[in-house]
Amino acid sequence: MARSYVEEARRRGLGRRRERLAPIVARLAEAHGDAEIALRFSGDLELLVAVMLSAQTTDVNVNRVTERLFRKYRSPQDYLAVPQEELEQDLFQTGFYRQKAKSIRGAMRVLLEEFDGRVPRTIPELLRLPGVARKTANVVAAELGHAQGIVVDTHVRRISQRLGLTRSDDPVKIERDLAKIVPRAEWARFPHLLIWHGRRVCDARAPRCEVCVLADLCPACRVPAPAAGARGGHAGEARRSARRGAAR
């Protein structure tokens, strides 16, 4: 069970979660103005496949595989036209390739049988696709412009815990906690901001609190809060750090 910083936030007098949310979003948006999904895709079907392949591997690795995959497979029928073993080999570098190939072929069948070959927009419909769990459904729906929840990956979980926005370690409960305080209009952008902040600054093992734009709002911060006038410099450092680092 991850440590809860909710009580620490109260002890430090940082304010309620809902009160801190607006400045958190504003500062992260300034520091990570380029925050967006790192997967490369063109069209709804490619988005669905890329997100399904991203489980247990990096976005960089998925993009490397899909660069050639999407030239070969352009429709649901294409994924079903080849033997299972051939698709497995095409997905080999993503890891768990047998299960991923099975899930993708199953999803393609359901798309053709129930959705006229089109990727659905709602969470309940997306969850009907084999291999699509809540997180995948949330990502796809949000990227298609129909966010119905908040994506909770390892970065979102870690940072929302460190910021004292949730007590839970369960992704489903974390999503519920965040949905109570994050305005619906921010549901699609908010996880991207946390994800990029996690990749660039708030590392799991060695968070760079000294350059974090949220230092004075974070109950997990390991360094003294910066002076108000220093925040702009920290934002600039976060952006410079982002350009130096590759997306993981």
Protein backbone atom coordinates (compact mmCIF):
# COMPACT_ATOMS: atom_id res chain seq x y z
CA MET A 1 0.00 0.00 0.00
CA ALA A 2 1.46 3.36 -1.05
CA ARG A 3 1.84 6.02 1.59
CA SER A 4 -1.06 8.45 1.82
CA TYR A 5 -0.11 12.14 1.85
CA VAL A 6 -3.65 13.42 2.44
CA GLU A 7 -3.06 13.95 6.14
CA GLU A 8 0.38 15.42 5.46
CA ALA A 9 -1.25 18.02 3.20
CA ARG A 10 -3.55 19.02 6.04
CA ARG A 11 -0.68 19.11 8.53
CA ARG A 12 1.30 21.45 6.29
CA GLY A 13 -1.74 23.65 5.72
CA LEU A 14 -1.67 23.21 1.96
CA GLY A 15 -5.44 23.45 1.62
CA ARG A 16 -8.13 21.06 0.52
CA ARG A 17 -7.70 18.88 -2.54
CA ARG A 18 -10.31 20.77 -4.54
CA GLU A 19 -8.68 24.11 -3.68
CA ARG A 20 -5.25 22.96 -4.80
CA LEU A 21 -6.48 21.38 -8.02
CA ALA A 22 -6.81 24.60 -10.07
CA PRO A 23 -3.25 25.85 -9.43
CA ILE A 24 -1.90 22.33 -9.96
CA VAL A 25 -3.50 22.15 -13.41
CA ALA A 26 -2.45 25.70 -14.31
CA ARG A 27 1.19 25.17 -13.38
CA LEU A 28 1.45 21.78 -15.06
CA ALA A 29 -0.15 23.20 -18.20
CA GLU A 30 2.48 25.93 -18.28
CA ALA A 31 5.37 23.55 -17.63
CA HIS A 32 4.16 20.82 -19.97
CA GLY A 33 2.25 22.66 -22.64
CA ASP A 34 3.11 19.93 -25.15
CA ALA A 35 1.66 17.13 -23.03
CA GLU A 36 -0.29 14.74 -25.22
CA ILE A 37 -0.51 11.06 -25.99
CA ALA A 38 2.90 9.75 -27.05
CA LEU A 39 1.54 6.97 -29.25
CA ARG A 40 1.57 7.65 -32.99
CA PHE A 41 -1.55 6.77 -34.95
CA SER A 42 -3.73 7.89 -37.80
CA GLY A 43 -7.39 7.19 -37.35
CA ASP A 44 -9.57 5.46 -34.79
CA LEU A 45 -8.55 1.88 -35.54
CA GLU A 46 -4.83 2.62 -35.27
CA LEU A 47 -5.46 4.39 -31.96
CA LEU A 48 -7.28 1.36 -30.56
CA VAL A 49 -4.54 -1.06 -31.64
CA ALA A 50 -1.71 1.17 -30.40
CA VAL A 51 -3.29 1.53 -26.96
CA MET A 52 -3.92 -2.21 -26.73
CA LEU A 53 -0.27 -2.87 -27.61
CA SER A 54 1.03 -0.37 -25.03
CA ALA A 55 0.34 -2.69 -22.09
CA GLN A 56 3.54 -3.77 -20.33
CA THR A 57 5.84 -1.91 -22.71
CA THR A 58 6.90 1.63 -23.60
CA ASP A 59 5.21 3.99 -26.02
CA VAL A 60 8.53 4.30 -27.84
CA ASN A 61 8.57 0.55 -28.43
CA VAL A 62 4.94 0.52 -29.58
CA ASN A 63 5.63 3.32 -32.06
CA ARG A 64 8.57 1.38 -33.44
CA VAL A 65 6.35 -1.67 -34.04
CA THR A 66 3.31 0.16 -35.36
CA GLU A 67 5.35 2.10 -37.91
CA ARG A 68 5.43 -1.03 -40.05
CA LEU A 69 2.36 -2.73 -38.57
CA PHE A 70 -0.01 -0.01 -39.74
CA ARG A 71 1.30 -0.25 -43.28
CA LYS A 72 0.32 -3.92 -43.36
CA TYR A 73 -2.95 -3.84 -41.44
CA ARG A 74 -5.38 -1.10 -42.45
CA SER A 75 -8.78 -2.54 -41.54
CA PRO A 76 -10.33 -5.01 -39.08
CA GLN A 77 -10.49 -7.54 -41.91
CA ASP A 78 -6.72 -7.32 -42.42
CA TYR A 79 -6.03 -8.47 -38.85
CA LEU A 80 -8.29 -11.48 -39.40
CA ALA A 81 -6.98 -12.36 -42.85
CA VAL A 82 -3.60 -13.63 -41.62
CA PRO A 83 -2.90 -16.65 -39.42
CA GLN A 84 -2.67 -16.01 -35.68
CA GLU A 85 1.03 -16.96 -35.80
CA GLU A 86 1.82 -14.33 -38.42
CA LEU A 87 0.20 -11.56 -36.38
CA GLU A 88 2.07 -12.80 -33.31
CA GLN A 89 5.38 -12.40 -35.11
CA ASP A 90 4.41 -8.90 -36.21
CA LEU A 91 3.74 -8.01 -32.56
CA PHE A 92 6.67 -9.91 -31.08
CA GLN A 93 8.70 -6.88 -30.00
CA THR A 94 5.84 -5.47 -27.88
CA GLY A 95 6.01 -8.40 -25.46
CA PHE A 96 3.12 -10.68 -24.45
CA TYR A 97 2.64 -10.98 -28.20
CA ARG A 98 0.52 -14.14 -28.14
CA GLN A 99 -2.09 -12.65 -25.82
CA LYS A 100 -2.02 -9.31 -27.64
CA ALA A 101 -2.53 -10.99 -31.01
CA LYS A 102 -5.43 -13.00 -29.60
CA SER A 103 -7.01 -9.89 -28.07
CA ILE A 104 -6.62 -7.79 -31.20
CA ARG A 105 -8.15 -10.46 -33.41
CA GLY A 106 -11.01 -10.85 -30.94
CA ALA A 107 -11.56 -7.10 -30.87
CA MET A 108 -11.62 -6.96 -34.67
CA ARG A 109 -14.28 -9.66 -34.79
CA VAL A 110 -16.49 -7.75 -32.36
CA LEU A 111 -15.95 -4.50 -34.29
CA LEU A 112 -17.19 -6.20 -37.45
CA GLU A 113 -20.03 -8.12 -35.81
CA GLU A 114 -21.41 -5.41 -33.53
CA PHE A 115 -20.11 -2.02 -34.67
CA ASP A 116 -19.93 -2.19 -38.47
CA GLY A 117 -16.14 -2.17 -38.28
CA ARG A 118 -16.03 1.18 -36.48
CA VAL A 119 -14.39 1.90 -33.13
CA PRO A 120 -17.14 2.78 -30.61
CA ARG A 121 -17.04 5.95 -28.51
CA THR A 122 -18.59 4.96 -25.20
CA ILE A 123 -16.88 3.16 -22.33
CA PRO A 124 -19.51 0.36 -22.07
CA GLU A 125 -19.19 -0.34 -25.80
CA LEU A 126 -15.39 -0.25 -25.76
CA LEU A 127 -15.36 -2.67 -22.83
CA ARG A 128 -17.14 -5.20 -25.04
CA LEU A 129 -13.96 -5.56 -27.08
CA PRO A 130 -11.66 -8.42 -25.99
CA GLY A 131 -8.45 -7.10 -24.45
CA VAL A 132 -9.94 -3.69 -23.65
CA ALA A 133 -10.07 -2.88 -19.94
CA ARG A 134 -11.09 0.36 -18.23
CA LYS A 135 -7.78 2.16 -18.74
CA THR A 136 -7.62 1.35 -22.46
CA ALA A 137 -11.25 2.35 -22.92
CA ASN A 138 -10.63 5.66 -21.13
CA VAL A 139 -7.62 6.45 -23.32
CA VAL A 140 -9.45 5.66 -26.56
CA ALA A 141 -12.61 7.55 -25.61
CA ALA A 142 -10.65 10.61 -24.50
CA GLU A 143 -8.50 10.71 -27.64
CA LEU A 144 -11.64 10.44 -29.76
CA GLY A 145 -13.05 13.49 -27.98
CA HIS A 146 -15.48 11.68 -25.70
CA ALA A 147 -13.73 11.52 -22.30
CA GLN A 148 -15.95 9.68 -19.83
CA GLY A 149 -13.40 9.07 -17.12
CA ILE A 150 -9.82 9.81 -16.10
CA VAL A 151 -6.98 7.60 -17.26
CA VAL A 152 -5.03 6.17 -14.32
CA ASP A 153 -1.65 4.73 -15.27
CA THR A 154 1.43 4.33 -13.08
CA HIS A 155 2.37 8.03 -13.36
CA VAL A 156 -1.15 9.28 -12.59
CA ARG A 157 -1.41 6.93 -9.63
CA ARG A 158 1.97 7.90 -8.19
CA ILE A 159 1.62 11.65 -8.60
CA SER A 160 -1.99 11.88 -7.46
CA GLN A 161 -0.91 9.99 -4.33
CA ARG A 162 2.10 12.23 -3.74
CA LEU A 163 -0.03 15.33 -4.19
CA GLY A 164 -2.47 14.04 -1.59
CA LEU A 165 -5.34 13.90 -4.09
CA THR A 166 -6.22 10.31 -3.14
CA ARG A 167 -5.67 7.86 -0.31
CA SER A 168 -6.11 4.81 -2.49
CA ASP A 169 -3.73 2.51 -4.32
CA ASP A 170 -6.54 1.01 -6.44
CA PRO A 171 -6.74 2.58 -9.94
CA VAL A 172 -10.55 2.37 -9.96
CA LYS A 173 -10.83 4.17 -6.62
CA ILE A 174 -8.19 6.70 -7.65
CA GLU A 175 -10.20 7.51 -10.78
CA ARG A 176 -13.29 8.06 -8.63
CA ASP A 177 -11.39 10.33 -6.26
CA LEU A 178 -9.99 12.40 -9.13
CA ALA A 179 -13.34 12.60 -10.92
CA LYS A 180 -14.80 14.28 -7.83
CA ILE A 181 -12.35 17.20 -7.95
CA VAL A 182 -11.16 17.46 -11.56
CA PRO A 183 -13.58 19.46 -13.76
CA ARG A 184 -15.06 17.27 -16.49
CA ALA A 185 -13.65 19.60 -19.12
CA GLU A 186 -10.16 18.62 -17.89
CA TRP A 187 -10.68 14.84 -17.79
CA ALA A 188 -8.86 14.29 -21.09
CA ARG A 189 -5.95 16.68 -20.45
CA PHE A 190 -5.36 16.11 -16.74
CA PRO A 191 -3.82 12.61 -17.01
CA HIS A 192 -1.50 13.78 -19.81
CA LEU A 193 -0.22 16.56 -17.55
CA LEU A 194 0.50 14.12 -14.73
CA ILE A 195 2.04 11.55 -17.08
CA TRP A 196 4.47 14.03 -18.62
CA HIS A 197 5.28 15.51 -15.23
CA GLY A 198 6.02 12.00 -14.03
CA ARG A 199 8.29 11.29 -16.97
CA ARG A 200 10.15 14.58 -16.79
CA VAL A 201 10.25 15.61 -13.13
CA CYS A 202 8.42 13.44 -10.59
CA ASP A 203 10.36 10.23 -11.12
CA ALA A 204 9.26 7.18 -9.16
CA ARG A 205 12.64 6.66 -7.46
CA ALA A 206 14.30 10.06 -7.64
CA PRO A 207 11.75 12.89 -7.87
CA ARG A 208 13.36 16.20 -8.81
CA CYS A 209 11.59 18.26 -6.17
CA GLU A 210 14.13 21.07 -6.50
CA VAL A 211 12.82 21.97 -9.98
CA CYS A 212 9.17 20.97 -9.50
CA VAL A 213 6.58 23.66 -10.18
CA LEU A 214 4.30 22.03 -7.60
CA ALA A 215 6.79 22.00 -4.72
CA ASP A 216 4.78 24.36 -2.50
CA LEU A 217 1.55 22.45 -3.18
CA CYS A 218 2.91 18.94 -2.72
CA PRO A 219 2.87 17.24 0.71
CA ALA A 220 5.46 14.75 -0.55
CA CYS A 221 7.96 17.45 -1.52
CA ARG A 222 11.44 16.73 -0.19
CA VAL A 223 12.83 20.26 -0.40
CA PRO A 224 11.73 23.64 1.02
CA ALA A 225 8.95 25.28 -1.00
CA PRO A 226 10.30 27.77 -3.58
CA ALA A 227 9.69 31.50 -3.33
CA ALA A 228 6.74 32.70 -5.40
CA GLY A 229 9.01 34.53 -7.83
CA ALA A 230 10.99 31.39 -8.52
CA ARG A 231 8.14 29.39 -9.98
CA GLY A 232 8.63 30.71 -13.48
CA GLY A 233 12.24 29.57 -13.41
CA HIS A 234 11.15 26.14 -12.24
CA ALA A 235 8.64 25.93 -15.06
CA GLY A 236 11.35 26.81 -17.52
CA GLU A 237 13.64 24.17 -16.05
CA ALA A 238 10.86 21.60 -16.31
CA ARG A 239 10.42 22.42 -19.99
CA ARG A 240 14.16 22.23 -20.62
CA SER A 241 14.31 18.92 -18.78
CA ALA A 242 11.47 17.66 -20.96
CA ARG A 243 13.34 18.42 -24.14
CA ARG A 244 16.35 16.56 -22.85
CA GLY A 245 14.46 13.45 -21.86
CA ALA A 246 12.86 10.90 -24.15
CA ALA A 247 9.32 9.67 -23.50
CA ARG A 248 9.34 6.34 -21.71
